[in-house]
């Protein structure tokens, strides 16, 4: 009985040792490779995000500038028309005042 238990324990230890050696081999060989690949992927993702952010900034600036141009030109036209109307109305009033004198 004791001999059988010792043999079973020895078999378990051998199996455990085989697993340890296999795992050590995997760790030495594959983990470093996967870590490098992950680092490369993260750098590429970060670079792509930066490029996208810059492109979005350019587009937003372009649209804001375009909107400012269109908005400013319509404001200038509106103000010019109002000023012209006011000046004409003021000139008519002044002519009316001078006519009364």
PDB file of N, CA and C in Angstrom:
ATOM      1  N   UNK A   1       0.814  -1.203   0.000  1.00  0.00           N
ATOM      2  CA  UNK A   1       0.000   0.000   0.000  1.00  0.00           C
ATOM      3  C   UNK A   1       0.856   1.265   0.000  1.00  0.00           C
ATOM      4  N   UNK A   2       1.818   1.295   0.901  1.00  0.00           N
ATOM      5  CA  UNK A   2       2.679   2.470   1.004  1.00  0.00           C
ATOM      6  C   UNK A   2       3.480   2.650  -0.285  1.00  0.00           C
ATOM      7  N   UNK A   3       3.869   1.546  -0.875  1.00  0.00           N
ATOM      8  CA  UNK A   3       4.618   1.611  -2.116  1.00  0.00           C
ATOM      9  C   UNK A   3       3.776   2.168  -3.252  1.00  0.00           C
ATOM     10  N   UNK A   4       2.494   1.785  -3.262  1.00  0.00           N
ATOM     11  CA  UNK A   4       1.596   2.287  -4.311  1.00  0.00           C
ATOM     12  C   UNK A   4       1.368   3.790  -4.153  1.00  0.00           C
ATOM     13  N   UNK A   5       1.207   4.250  -2.922  1.00  0.00           N
ATOM     14  CA  UNK A   5       1.002   5.681  -2.685  1.00  0.00           C
ATOM     15  C   UNK A   5       2.254   6.468  -3.083  1.00  0.00           C
ATOM     16  N   UNK A   6       3.414   5.935  -2.752  1.00  0.00           N
ATOM     17  CA  UNK A   6       4.660   6.611  -3.138  1.00  0.00           C
ATOM     18  C   UNK A   6       4.790   6.672  -4.658  1.00  0.00           C
ATOM     19  N   UNK A   7       4.414   5.593  -5.311  1.00  0.00           N
ATOM     20  CA  UNK A   7       4.486   5.570  -6.776  1.00  0.00           C
ATOM     21  C   UNK A   7       3.507   6.587  -7.373  1.00  0.00           C
ATOM     22  N   UNK A   8       2.305   6.668  -6.776  1.00  0.00           N
ATOM     23  CA  UNK A   8       1.308   7.634  -7.265  1.00  0.00           C
ATOM     24  C   UNK A   8       1.808   9.061  -7.046  1.00  0.00           C
ATOM     25  N   UNK A   9       2.412   9.306  -5.884  1.00  0.00           N
ATOM     26  CA  UNK A   9       2.936  10.650  -5.595  1.00  0.00           C
ATOM     27  C   UNK A   9       4.098  10.993  -6.534  1.00  0.00           C
ATOM     28  N   UNK A  10       4.953  10.008  -6.799  1.00  0.00           N
ATOM     29  CA  UNK A  10       6.053  10.231  -7.734  1.00  0.00           C
ATOM     30  C   UNK A  10       5.521  10.553  -9.130  1.00  0.00           C
ATOM     31  N   UNK A  11       4.474   9.851  -9.544  1.00  0.00           N
ATOM     32  CA  UNK A  11       3.880  10.096 -10.866  1.00  0.00           C
ATOM     33  C   UNK A  11       3.307  11.513 -10.927  1.00  0.00           C
ATOM     34  N   UNK A  12       2.646  11.915  -9.849  1.00  0.00           N
ATOM     35  CA  UNK A  12       2.093  13.281  -9.806  1.00  0.00           C
ATOM     36  C   UNK A  12       3.206  14.328  -9.852  1.00  0.00           C
ATOM     37  N   UNK A  13       4.288  14.086  -9.122  1.00  0.00           N
ATOM     38  CA  UNK A  13       5.405  15.032  -9.135  1.00  0.00           C
ATOM     39  C   UNK A  13       6.021  15.128 -10.535  1.00  0.00           C
ATOM     40  N   UNK A  14       6.187  13.965 -11.179  1.00  0.00           N
ATOM     41  CA  UNK A  14       6.742  13.973 -12.537  1.00  0.00           C
ATOM     42  C   UNK A  14       5.834  14.741 -13.494  1.00  0.00           C
ATOM     43  N   UNK A  15       4.528  14.496 -13.367  1.00  0.00           N
ATOM     44  CA  UNK A  15       3.558  15.216 -14.215  1.00  0.00           C
ATOM     45  C   UNK A  15       3.642  16.719 -13.948  1.00  0.00           C
ATOM     46  N   UNK A  16       3.726  17.064 -12.666  1.00  0.00           N
ATOM     47  CA  UNK A  16       3.838  18.471 -12.284  1.00  0.00           C
ATOM     48  C   UNK A  16       5.124  19.086 -12.836  1.00  0.00           C
ATOM     49  N   UNK A  17       6.219  18.356 -12.753  1.00  0.00           N
ATOM     50  CA  UNK A  17       7.491  18.846 -13.291  1.00  0.00           C
ATOM     51  C   UNK A  17       7.418  19.037 -14.801  1.00  0.00           C
ATOM     52  N   UNK A  18       6.767  18.103 -15.497  1.00  0.00           N
ATOM     53  CA  UNK A  18       6.602  18.244 -16.958  1.00  0.00           C
ATOM     54  C   UNK A  18       5.813  19.516 -17.283  1.00  0.00           C
ATOM     55  N   UNK A  19       4.742  19.748 -16.546  1.00  0.00           N
ATOM     56  CA  UNK A  19       3.940  20.951 -16.769  1.00  0.00           C
ATOM     57  C   UNK A  19       4.758  22.210 -16.511  1.00  0.00           C
ATOM     58  N   UNK A  20       5.556  22.200 -15.442  1.00  0.00           N
ATOM     59  CA  UNK A  20       6.399  23.360 -15.131  1.00  0.00           C
ATOM     60  C   UNK A  20       7.391  23.634 -16.252  1.00  0.00           C
ATOM     61  N   UNK A  21       8.043  22.596 -16.748  1.00  0.00           N
ATOM     62  CA  UNK A  21       9.016  22.787 -17.827  1.00  0.00           C
ATOM     63  C   UNK A  21       8.328  23.307 -19.088  1.00  0.00           C
ATOM     64  N   UNK A  22       7.175  22.740 -19.411  1.00  0.00           N
ATOM     65  CA  UNK A  22       6.435  23.212 -20.598  1.00  0.00           C
ATOM     66  C   UNK A  22       6.019  24.666 -20.430  1.00  0.00           C
ATOM     67  N   UNK A  23       5.521  24.994 -19.247  1.00  0.00           N
ATOM     68  CA  UNK A  23       5.078  26.365 -18.996  1.00  0.00           C
ATOM     69  C   UNK A  23       6.258  27.330 -19.048  1.00  0.00           C
ATOM     70  N   UNK A  24       7.382  26.946 -18.511  1.00  0.00           N
ATOM     71  CA  UNK A  24       8.570  27.794 -18.556  1.00  0.00           C
ATOM     72  C   UNK A  24       8.994  28.028 -19.998  1.00  0.00           C
ATOM     73  N   UNK A  25       8.923  26.989 -20.818  1.00  0.00           N
ATOM     74  CA  UNK A  25       9.265  27.132 -22.228  1.00  0.00           C
ATOM     75  C   UNK A  25       8.315  28.116 -22.914  1.00  0.00           C
ATOM     76  N   UNK A  26       7.020  27.984 -22.637  1.00  0.00           N
ATOM     77  CA  UNK A  26       6.026  28.894 -23.233  1.00  0.00           C
ATOM     78  C   UNK A  26       6.288  30.322 -22.776  1.00  0.00           C
ATOM     79  N   UNK A  27       6.526  30.482 -21.500  1.00  0.00           N
ATOM     80  CA  UNK A  27       6.756  31.822 -20.964  1.00  0.00           C
ATOM     81  C   UNK A  27       7.981  32.449 -21.600  1.00  0.00           C
ATOM     82  N   UNK A  28       9.089  31.717 -21.673  1.00  0.00           N
ATOM     83  CA  UNK A  28      10.312  32.281 -22.249  1.00  0.00           C
ATOM     84  C   UNK A  28      10.130  32.641 -23.714  1.00  0.00           C
ATOM     85  N   UNK A  29       9.451  31.783 -24.448  1.00  0.00           N
ATOM     86  CA  UNK A  29       9.376  31.970 -25.893  1.00  0.00           C
ATOM     87  C   UNK A  29       8.235  32.889 -26.310  1.00  0.00           C
ATOM     88  N   UNK A  30       7.038  32.667 -25.816  1.00  0.00           N
ATOM     89  CA  UNK A  30       5.853  33.317 -26.370  1.00  0.00           C
ATOM     90  C   UNK A  30       5.444  34.603 -25.656  1.00  0.00           C
ATOM     91  N   UNK A  31       5.661  34.680 -24.362  1.00  0.00           N
ATOM     92  CA  UNK A  31       5.201  35.859 -23.642  1.00  0.00           C
ATOM     93  C   UNK A  31       5.934  37.108 -24.114  1.00  0.00           C
ATOM     94  N   UNK A  32       7.233  37.033 -24.301  1.00  0.00           N
ATOM     95  CA  UNK A  32       7.999  38.199 -24.760  1.00  0.00           C
ATOM     96  C   UNK A  32       7.531  38.616 -26.155  1.00  0.00           C
ATOM     97  N   UNK A  33       7.292  37.632 -27.019  1.00  0.00           N
ATOM     98  CA  UNK A  33       6.832  37.929 -28.374  1.00  0.00           C
ATOM     99  C   UNK A  33       5.464  38.618 -28.344  1.00  0.00           C
ATOM    100  N   UNK A  34       4.563  38.107 -27.519  1.00  0.00           N
ATOM    101  CA  UNK A  34       3.230  38.699 -27.408  1.00  0.00           C
ATOM    102  C   UNK A  34       3.298  40.103 -26.801  1.00  0.00           C
ATOM    103  N   UNK A  35       4.185  40.287 -25.849  1.00  0.00           N
ATOM    104  CA  UNK A  35       4.338  41.610 -25.234  1.00  0.00           C
ATOM    105  C   UNK A  35       4.826  42.634 -26.256  1.00  0.00           C
ATOM    106  N   UNK A  36       5.788  42.244 -27.087  1.00  0.00           N
ATOM    107  CA  UNK A  36       6.269  43.153 -28.136  1.00  0.00           C
ATOM    108  C   UNK A  36       5.145  43.485 -29.111  1.00  0.00           C
ATOM    109  N   UNK A  37       4.387  42.455 -29.502  1.00  0.00           N
ATOM    110  CA  UNK A  37       3.278  42.687 -30.434  1.00  0.00           C
ATOM    111  C   UNK A  37       2.242  43.624 -29.823  1.00  0.00           C
ATOM    112  N   UNK A  38       1.948  43.434 -28.541  1.00  0.00           N
ATOM    113  CA  UNK A  38       0.976  44.293 -27.869  1.00  0.00           C
ATOM    114  C   UNK A  38       1.486  45.728 -27.804  1.00  0.00           C
ATOM    115  N   UNK A  39       2.752  45.909 -27.484  1.00  0.00           N
ATOM    116  CA  UNK A  39       3.337  47.252 -27.439  1.00  0.00           C
ATOM    117  C   UNK A  39       3.279  47.934 -28.796  1.00  0.00           C
ATOM    118  N   UNK A  40       3.602  47.194 -29.842  1.00  0.00           N
ATOM    119  CA  UNK A  40       3.538  47.744 -31.202  1.00  0.00           C
ATOM    120  C   UNK A  40       2.118  48.153 -31.551  1.00  0.00           C
ATOM    121  N   UNK A  41       1.167  47.299 -31.228  1.00  0.00           N
ATOM    122  CA  UNK A  41      -0.236  47.598 -31.525  1.00  0.00           C
ATOM    123  C   UNK A  41      -0.708  48.834 -30.768  1.00  0.00           C
ATOM    124  N   UNK A  42      -0.309  48.970 -29.513  1.00  0.00           N
ATOM    125  CA  UNK A  42      -0.715  50.139 -28.731  1.00  0.00           C
ATOM    126  C   UNK A  42      -0.110  51.416 -29.301  1.00  0.00           C
ATOM    127  N   UNK A  43       1.153  51.365 -29.720  1.00  0.00           N
ATOM    128  CA  UNK A  43       1.787  52.546 -30.324  1.00  0.00           C
ATOM    129  C   UNK A  43       1.077  52.942 -31.618  1.00  0.00           C
ATOM    130  N   UNK A  44       0.749  51.949 -32.441  1.00  0.00           N
ATOM    131  CA  UNK A  44       0.058  52.242 -33.695  1.00  0.00           C
ATOM    132  C   UNK A  44      -1.321  52.825 -33.440  1.00  0.00           C
ATOM    133  N   UNK A  45      -2.021  52.293 -32.449  1.00  0.00           N
ATOM    134  CA  UNK A  45      -3.348  52.807 -32.114  1.00  0.00           C
ATOM    135  C   UNK A  45      -3.258  54.248 -31.631  1.00  0.00           C
ATOM    136  N   UNK A  46      -2.271  54.534 -30.794  1.00  0.00           N
ATOM    137  CA  UNK A  46      -2.085  55.890 -30.293  1.00  0.00           C
ATOM    138  C   UNK A  46      -1.743  56.850 -31.429  1.00  0.00           C
ATOM    139  N   UNK A  47      -0.882  56.431 -32.336  1.00  0.00           N
ATOM    140  CA  UNK A  47      -0.516  57.280 -33.479  1.00  0.00           C
ATOM    141  C   UNK A  47      -1.738  57.548 -34.360  1.00  0.00           C
ATOM    142  N   UNK A  48      -2.544  56.521 -34.587  1.00  0.00           N
ATOM    143  CA  UNK A  48      -3.751  56.704 -35.404  1.00  0.00           C
ATOM    144  C   UNK A  48      -4.732  57.650 -34.705  1.00  0.00           C
ATOM    145  N   UNK A  49      -4.844  57.535 -33.400  1.00  0.00           N
ATOM    146  CA  UNK A  49      -5.741  58.430 -32.655  1.00  0.00           C
ATOM    147  C   UNK A  49      -5.261  59.878 -32.749  1.00  0.00           C
ATOM    148  N   UNK A  50      -3.951  60.077 -32.671  1.00  0.00           N
ATOM    149  CA  UNK A  50      -3.408  61.435 -32.789  1.00  0.00           C
ATOM    150  C   UNK A  50      -3.669  62.001 -34.181  1.00  0.00           C
ATOM    151  N   UNK A  51      -3.430  61.173 -35.208  1.00  0.00           N
ATOM    152  CA  UNK A  51      -3.695  61.636 -36.576  1.00  0.00           C
ATOM    153  C   UNK A  51      -5.159  62.003 -36.755  1.00  0.00           C
ATOM    154  N   UNK A  52      -6.042  61.179 -36.222  1.00  0.00           N
ATOM    155  CA  UNK A  52      -7.477  61.451 -36.330  1.00  0.00           C
ATOM    156  C   UNK A  52      -7.834  62.731 -35.598  1.00  0.00           C
ATOM    157  N   UNK A  53      -7.277  62.930 -34.414  1.00  0.00           N
ATOM    158  CA  UNK A  53      -7.568  64.143 -33.646  1.00  0.00           C
ATOM    159  C   UNK A  53      -7.113  65.388 -34.403  1.00  0.00           C
ATOM    160  N   UNK A  54      -5.939  65.328 -35.020  1.00  0.00           N
ATOM    161  CA  UNK A  54      -5.455  66.474 -35.796  1.00  0.00           C
ATOM    162  C   UNK A  54      -6.356  66.748 -37.000  1.00  0.00           C
ATOM    163  N   UNK A  55      -6.787  65.689 -37.669  1.00  0.00           N
ATOM    164  CA  UNK A  55      -7.676  65.867 -38.820  1.00  0.00           C
ATOM    165  C   UNK A  55      -9.006  66.485 -38.388  1.00  0.00           C
ATOM    166  N   UNK A  56      -9.514  66.050 -37.251  1.00  0.00           N
ATOM    167  CA  UNK A  56     -10.773  66.600 -36.741  1.00  0.00           C
ATOM    168  C   UNK A  56     -10.589  68.077 -36.381  1.00  0.00           C
ATOM    169  N   UNK A  57      -9.464  68.423 -35.757  1.00  0.00           N
ATOM    170  CA  UNK A  57      -9.206  69.825 -35.418  1.00  0.00           C
ATOM    171  C   UNK A  57      -9.170  70.693 -36.669  1.00  0.00           C
ATOM    172  N   UNK A  58      -8.491  70.207 -37.706  1.00  0.00           N
ATOM    173  CA  UNK A  58      -8.424  70.971 -38.953  1.00  0.00           C
ATOM    174  C   UNK A  58      -9.812  71.177 -39.539  1.00  0.00           C
ATOM    175  N   UNK A  59     -10.601  70.111 -39.537  1.00  0.00           N
ATOM    176  CA  UNK A  59     -11.951  70.205 -40.108  1.00  0.00           C
ATOM    177  C   UNK A  59     -12.816  71.173 -39.310  1.00  0.00           C
ATOM    178  N   UNK A  60     -12.725  71.115 -37.990  1.00  0.00           N
ATOM    179  CA  UNK A  60     -13.526  72.020 -37.153  1.00  0.00           C
ATOM    180  C   UNK A  60     -13.103  73.459 -37.388  1.00  0.00           C
ATOM    181  N   UNK A  61     -11.782  73.694 -37.459  1.00  0.00           N
ATOM    182  CA  UNK A  61     -11.306  75.055 -37.727  1.00  0.00           C
ATOM    183  C   UNK A  61     -11.787  75.545 -39.085  1.00  0.00           C
ATOM    184  N   UNK A  62     -11.711  74.657 -40.080  1.00  0.00           N
ATOM    185  CA  UNK A  62     -12.141  75.034 -41.426  1.00  0.00           C
ATOM    186  C   UNK A  62     -13.624  75.393 -41.434  1.00  0.00           C
ATOM    187  N   UNK A  63     -14.438  74.578 -40.759  1.00  0.00           N
ATOM    188  CA  UNK A  63     -15.875  74.864 -40.724  1.00  0.00           C
ATOM    189  C   UNK A  63     -16.170  76.135 -39.937  1.00  0.00           C
ATOM    190  N   UNK A  64     -15.455  76.351 -38.840  1.00  0.00           N
ATOM    191  CA  UNK A  64     -15.672  77.564 -38.048  1.00  0.00           C
ATOM    192  C   UNK A  64     -15.293  78.797 -38.860  1.00  0.00           C
ATOM    193  N   UNK A  65     -14.185  78.717 -39.580  1.00  0.00           N
ATOM    194  CA  UNK A  65     -13.756  79.838 -40.409  1.00  0.00           C
ATOM    195  C   UNK A  65     -14.763  80.100 -41.522  1.00  0.00           C
ATOM    196  N   UNK A  66     -15.235  79.036 -42.141  1.00  0.00           N
ATOM    197  CA  UNK A  66     -16.234  79.179 -43.198  1.00  0.00           C
ATOM    198  C   UNK A  66     -17.518  79.790 -42.651  1.00  0.00           C
ATOM    199  N   UNK A  67     -17.953  79.317 -41.484  1.00  0.00           N
ATOM    200  CA  UNK A  67     -19.172  79.859 -40.875  1.00  0.00           C
ATOM    201  C   UNK A  67     -18.972  81.320 -40.500  1.00  0.00           C
ATOM    202  N   UNK A  68     -17.781  81.653 -40.012  1.00  0.00           N
ATOM    203  CA  UNK A  68     -17.506  83.050 -39.652  1.00  0.00           C
ATOM    204  C   UNK A  68     -17.534  83.936 -40.890  1.00  0.00           C
ATOM    205  N   UNK A  69     -16.979  83.434 -41.984  1.00  0.00           N
ATOM    206  CA  UNK A  69     -16.989  84.219 -43.227  1.00  0.00           C
ATOM    207  C   UNK A  69     -18.415  84.463 -43.708  1.00  0.00           C
ATOM    208  N   UNK A  70     -19.194  83.396 -43.738  1.00  0.00           N
ATOM    209  CA  UNK A  70     -20.572  83.535 -44.221  1.00  0.00           C
ATOM    210  C   UNK A  70     -21.388  84.392 -43.266  1.00  0.00           C
ATOM    211  N   UNK A  71     -21.204  84.170 -41.962  1.00  0.00           N
ATOM    212  CA  UNK A  71     -21.949  84.943 -40.974  1.00  0.00           C
ATOM    213  C   UNK A  71     -21.551  86.399 -40.992  1.00  0.00           C
ATOM    214  N   UNK A  72     -20.254  86.663 -41.111  1.00  0.00           N
ATOM    215  CA  UNK A  72     -19.767  88.035 -41.103  1.00  0.00           C
ATOM    216  C   UNK A  72     -20.236  88.772 -42.349  1.00  0.00           C
ATOM    217  N   UNK A  73     -20.190  88.120 -43.484  1.00  0.00           N
ATOM    218  CA  UNK A  73     -20.588  88.808 -44.712  1.00  0.00           C
ATOM    219  C   UNK A  73     -22.073  89.147 -44.679  1.00  0.00           C
ATOM    220  N   UNK A  74     -22.911  88.252 -44.154  1.00  0.00           N
ATOM    221  CA  UNK A  74     -24.337  88.563 -44.090  1.00  0.00           C
ATOM    222  C   UNK A  74     -24.588  89.652 -43.056  1.00  0.00           C
ATOM    223  N   UNK A  75     -23.824  89.664 -41.968  1.00  0.00           N
ATOM    224  CA  UNK A  75     -23.966  90.716 -40.964  1.00  0.00           C
ATOM    225  C   UNK A  75     -23.559  92.062 -41.560  1.00  0.00           C
ATOM    226  N   UNK A  76     -22.472  92.074 -42.317  1.00  0.00           N
ATOM    227  CA  UNK A  76     -22.006  93.320 -42.921  1.00  0.00           C
ATOM    228  C   UNK A  76     -23.068  93.839 -43.881  1.00  0.00           C
ATOM    229  N   UNK A  77     -23.614  92.971 -44.678  1.00  0.00           N
ATOM    230  CA  UNK A  77     -24.651  93.392 -45.619  1.00  0.00           C
ATOM    231  C   UNK A  77     -25.875  93.933 -44.887  1.00  0.00           C
ATOM    232  N   UNK A  78     -26.279  93.222 -43.841  1.00  0.00           N
ATOM    233  CA  UNK A  78     -27.450  93.653 -43.083  1.00  0.00           C
ATOM    234  C   UNK A  78     -27.213  95.019 -42.446  1.00  0.00           C
ATOM    235  N   UNK A  79     -26.034  95.190 -41.827  1.00  0.00           N
ATOM    236  CA  UNK A  79     -25.724  96.466 -41.178  1.00  0.00           C
ATOM    237  C   UNK A  79     -25.636  97.602 -42.201  1.00  0.00           C
ATOM    238  N   UNK A  80     -25.042  97.283 -43.354  1.00  0.00           N
ATOM    239  CA  UNK A  80     -24.925  98.312 -44.394  1.00  0.00           C
ATOM    240  C   UNK A  80     -26.293  98.759 -44.880  1.00  0.00           C
ATOM    241  N   UNK A  81     -27.174  97.811 -45.092  1.00  0.00           N
ATOM    242  CA  UNK A  81     -28.530  98.168 -45.545  1.00  0.00           C
ATOM    243  C   UNK A  81     -29.252  99.003 -44.493  1.00  0.00           C
ATOM    244  N   UNK A  82     -29.117  98.618 -43.228  1.00  0.00           N
ATOM    245  CA  UNK A  82     -29.787  99.357 -42.151  1.00  0.00           C
ATOM    246  C   UNK A  82     -29.223 100.772 -42.049  1.00  0.00           C
ATOM    247  N   UNK A  83     -27.888 100.896 -42.159  1.00  0.00           N
ATOM    248  CA  UNK A  83     -27.269 102.212 -42.079  1.00  0.00           C
ATOM    249  C   UNK A  83     -27.727 103.091 -43.240  1.00  0.00           C
ATOM    250  N   UNK A  84     -27.826 102.498 -44.433  1.00  0.00           N
ATOM    251  CA  UNK A  84     -28.284 103.256 -45.599  1.00  0.00           C
ATOM    252  C   UNK A  84     -29.708 103.743 -45.377  1.00  0.00           C
ATOM    253  N   UNK A  85     -30.574 102.876 -44.872  1.00  0.00           N
ATOM    254  CA  UNK A  85     -31.964 103.259 -44.585  1.00  0.00           C
ATOM    255  C   UNK A  85     -32.028 104.387 -43.561  1.00  0.00           C
ATOM    256  N   UNK A  86     -31.223 104.246 -42.492  1.00  0.00           N
ATOM    257  CA  UNK A  86     -31.214 105.272 -41.447  1.00  0.00           C
ATOM    258  C   UNK A  86     -30.730 106.610 -41.988  1.00  0.00           C
ATOM    259  N   UNK A  87     -29.688 106.543 -42.821  1.00  0.00           N
ATOM    260  CA  UNK A  87     -29.167 107.792 -43.381  1.00  0.00           C
ATOM    261  C   UNK A  87     -30.192 108.440 -44.303  1.00  0.00           C
ATOM    262  N   UNK A  88     -30.887 107.644 -45.081  1.00  0.00           N
ATOM    263  CA  UNK A  88     -31.907 108.196 -45.964  1.00  0.00           C
ATOM    264  C   UNK A  88     -33.043 108.813 -45.149  1.00  0.00           C
ATOM    265  N   UNK A  89     -33.460 108.111 -44.090  1.00  0.00           N
ATOM    266  CA  UNK A  89     -34.536 108.639 -43.249  1.00  0.00           C
ATOM    267  C   UNK A  89     -34.082 109.930 -42.566  1.00  0.00           C
ATOM    268  N   UNK A  90     -32.833 109.943 -42.092  1.00  0.00           N
ATOM    269  CA  UNK A  90     -32.306 111.160 -41.457  1.00  0.00           C
ATOM    270  C   UNK A  90     -32.212 112.305 -42.449  1.00  0.00           C
ATOM    271  N   UNK A  91     -31.796 112.023 -43.653  1.00  0.00           N
ATOM    272  CA  UNK A  91     -31.700 113.062 -44.681  1.00  0.00           C
ATOM    273  C   UNK A  91     -33.074 113.624 -45.019  1.00  0.00           C
ATOM    274  N   UNK A  92     -34.109 112.776 -45.085  1.00  0.00           N
ATOM    275  CA  UNK A  92     -35.479 113.239 -45.389  1.00  0.00           C
ATOM    276  C   UNK A  92     -35.994 114.141 -44.266  1.00  0.00           C
ATOM    277  N   UNK A  93     -35.681 113.720 -43.011  1.00  0.00           N
ATOM    278  CA  UNK A  93     -36.119 114.545 -41.875  1.00  0.00           C
ATOM    279  C   UNK A  93     -35.460 115.918 -41.932  1.00  0.00           C
ATOM    280  N   UNK A  94     -34.149 115.916 -42.187  1.00  0.00           N
ATOM    281  CA  UNK A  94     -33.430 117.170 -42.251  1.00  0.00           C
ATOM    282  C   UNK A  94     -33.965 118.064 -43.370  1.00  0.00           C
ATOM    283  N   UNK A  95     -34.260 117.472 -44.528  1.00  0.00           N
ATOM    284  CA  UNK A  95     -34.824 118.238 -45.635  1.00  0.00           C
ATOM    285  C   UNK A  95     -36.194 118.787 -45.248  1.00  0.00           C
ATOM    286  N   UNK A  96     -36.971 117.993 -44.507  1.00  0.00           N
ATOM    287  CA  UNK A  96     -38.280 118.460 -44.073  1.00  0.00           C
ATOM    288  C   UNK A  96     -38.132 119.624 -43.096  1.00  0.00           C
ATOM    289  N   UNK A  97     -37.176 119.543 -42.187  1.00  0.00           N
ATOM    290  CA  UNK A  97     -36.938 120.612 -41.234  1.00  0.00           C
ATOM    291  C   UNK A  97     -36.503 121.898 -41.945  1.00  0.00           C
ATOM    292  N   UNK A  98     -35.609 121.740 -42.930  1.00  0.00           N
ATOM    293  CA  UNK A  98     -35.143 122.911 -43.671  1.00  0.00           C
ATOM    294  C   UNK A  98     -36.257 123.518 -44.514  1.00  0.00           C
ATOM    295  N   UNK A  99     -37.148 122.660 -44.985  1.00  0.00           N
ATOM    296  CA  UNK A  99     -38.260 123.169 -45.793  1.00  0.00           C
ATOM    297  C   UNK A  99     -39.210 123.976 -44.928  1.00  0.00           C
ATOM    298  N   UNK A 100     -39.365 123.621 -43.661  1.00  0.00           N
ATOM    299  CA  UNK A 100     -40.252 124.337 -42.765  1.00  0.00           C
ATOM    300  C   UNK A 100     -39.688 125.716 -42.433  1.00  0.00           C
ATOM    301  N   UNK A 101     -38.411 125.840 -42.410  1.00  0.00           N
ATOM    302  CA  UNK A 101     -37.806 127.124 -42.057  1.00  0.00           C
ATOM    303  C   UNK A 101     -37.931 128.042 -43.210  1.00  0.00           C
TER     304      UNK A 101
END
